[in-house]
Each structure stands twice: as C-alpha cells, then as structure tokens.
Amino acid sequence: LMDALGHERFAVVGHDTGLIISYALAADHPDRVDRLAVVEVPGPLGVGPSPPLFGLPEPINNKLWHLAFNRVNDEMTEQLVRGREDIFFGYEFAIQGGQKGLPDEVQRYYFDLYSDPDVLRGSFGFYRALDTTLAQNAERKNRPLTMPVLAIGGAESWGEEVGNGIKPAADDVQSVVISSAGHWVAEQAPEEMLAALTEFLAPYREGGGDLR
C-alpha cells in the first residue's frame, strides 16, 4: 500500500489487533517504518508469556474469553454471532470500555459493519491465524525494534501494561496512560490520544516525513 501511495518511509499507529499487525510491519520492514505507536494490547502475541487458559480471575477472563472463541475454525463462531452482532460485540464494547463506554451511534456503526458475512468471517480470520502469528513473533522478538515506539494505554483497561508488553520487543519505548479512557481510547478520549500522537510524531514531521 505504501509503495502504491509513493511513501518510502512512514509512521504507523496500531490499536488492539492493529497493534499486532503494525508490530509485524515494523519488525519485518524496519527500513520503511520510522516510528511506531501501539495502543491497548499488552504487547504483541508471542513476545511475552501467554496467560493460562483456565483459572484467570473473572475480570480478566471476561476481557480475554473471546480469543479462544474467535479461533474456532468450523464456522460455528459465525453461526453463533450472525444476527446477534449487537449482543456479541455489544458485550465486548461494554466489558472493555470502562465506566465511560461507547456512544450508541458508534456501536451501531460497528454492528452494521459486522453484519456483512464477509466482514464477520474476516474479523475471525485474524484469530484463526494465531498459530502462525505466534511462530512468526517468536522469530521477530530476536530482532528488537530500534525505531522509537510509543505505547498508549487506557487507565481503565491495560494502562502501563501496553508499554511493559512491548518493551521486550523494542529498544526505545515511551508510555502514555490516558486517564479518561478504557480500551477504546480513540473513541473515548480522542483529544488526549491525538495530543499524545502529535507530540510523538512531531519530530518525524519536522524531519520531513509524511504522517499517514
């Protein structure tokens, strides 16, 4: 995509699954990624130890149960969620959002988006590829990122753990915890997130880079 747009070097921001994808991009193409900002996941999967499957405290289990559910690879997941997108994704929005939650119109946007069967299947495809991702990240962590990395966490969600989770995979990590947000930082605290990103990316812009 960046080749097609004509950008040789660029900065990347990734939230949640986007954190895992953007980490892979930065690790595999360090000559292209100038700065990396990662948001609201405690590190790339496979870089640190995974939590146990059973015996998790209830609050953590409620936030992580979907990881195994989404990976079931016989279309059962789609069959259970299709037509009930508001129940499934509504629970995720609520349990991850902290006290502030997400506005109804934002939730409705995503409910409508995931009502497309292809979109729904694609969203689960990310989780179904997890075995491959874990194996790839086991190799990637042997090549720590050298570009500056900003880790952003919501105080009512992963907080400092975002920075702690990426540190084993990167040499230069800064952390910001946004007090007024849960997991959905961009929707819950857009001004605070934009301020953190602007400060982090400003040196890149001043150096002549394109912010994309």
Foldseek 3Di string as FASTA:
>chain_A
DCVVVVQQAEAEEAADVGQQVVLVVCLVCVRHYQEYEYEFDLAHPQLDDDDDPPDDPVLVCLQPVVLVVLQDPPCPSVVVCAVVVCVVVVSNQVSQKPPVGFDPVVSVVVSVVCNPVVSVNVVSVSSNCVVVSNVVVNVSLVPAREHAYEYEAEPQACFCSNQVRNVSRHDHYDYDYDDQTGRPCCRRPVVVVVVVVCVVCVVVVVVPHDHD
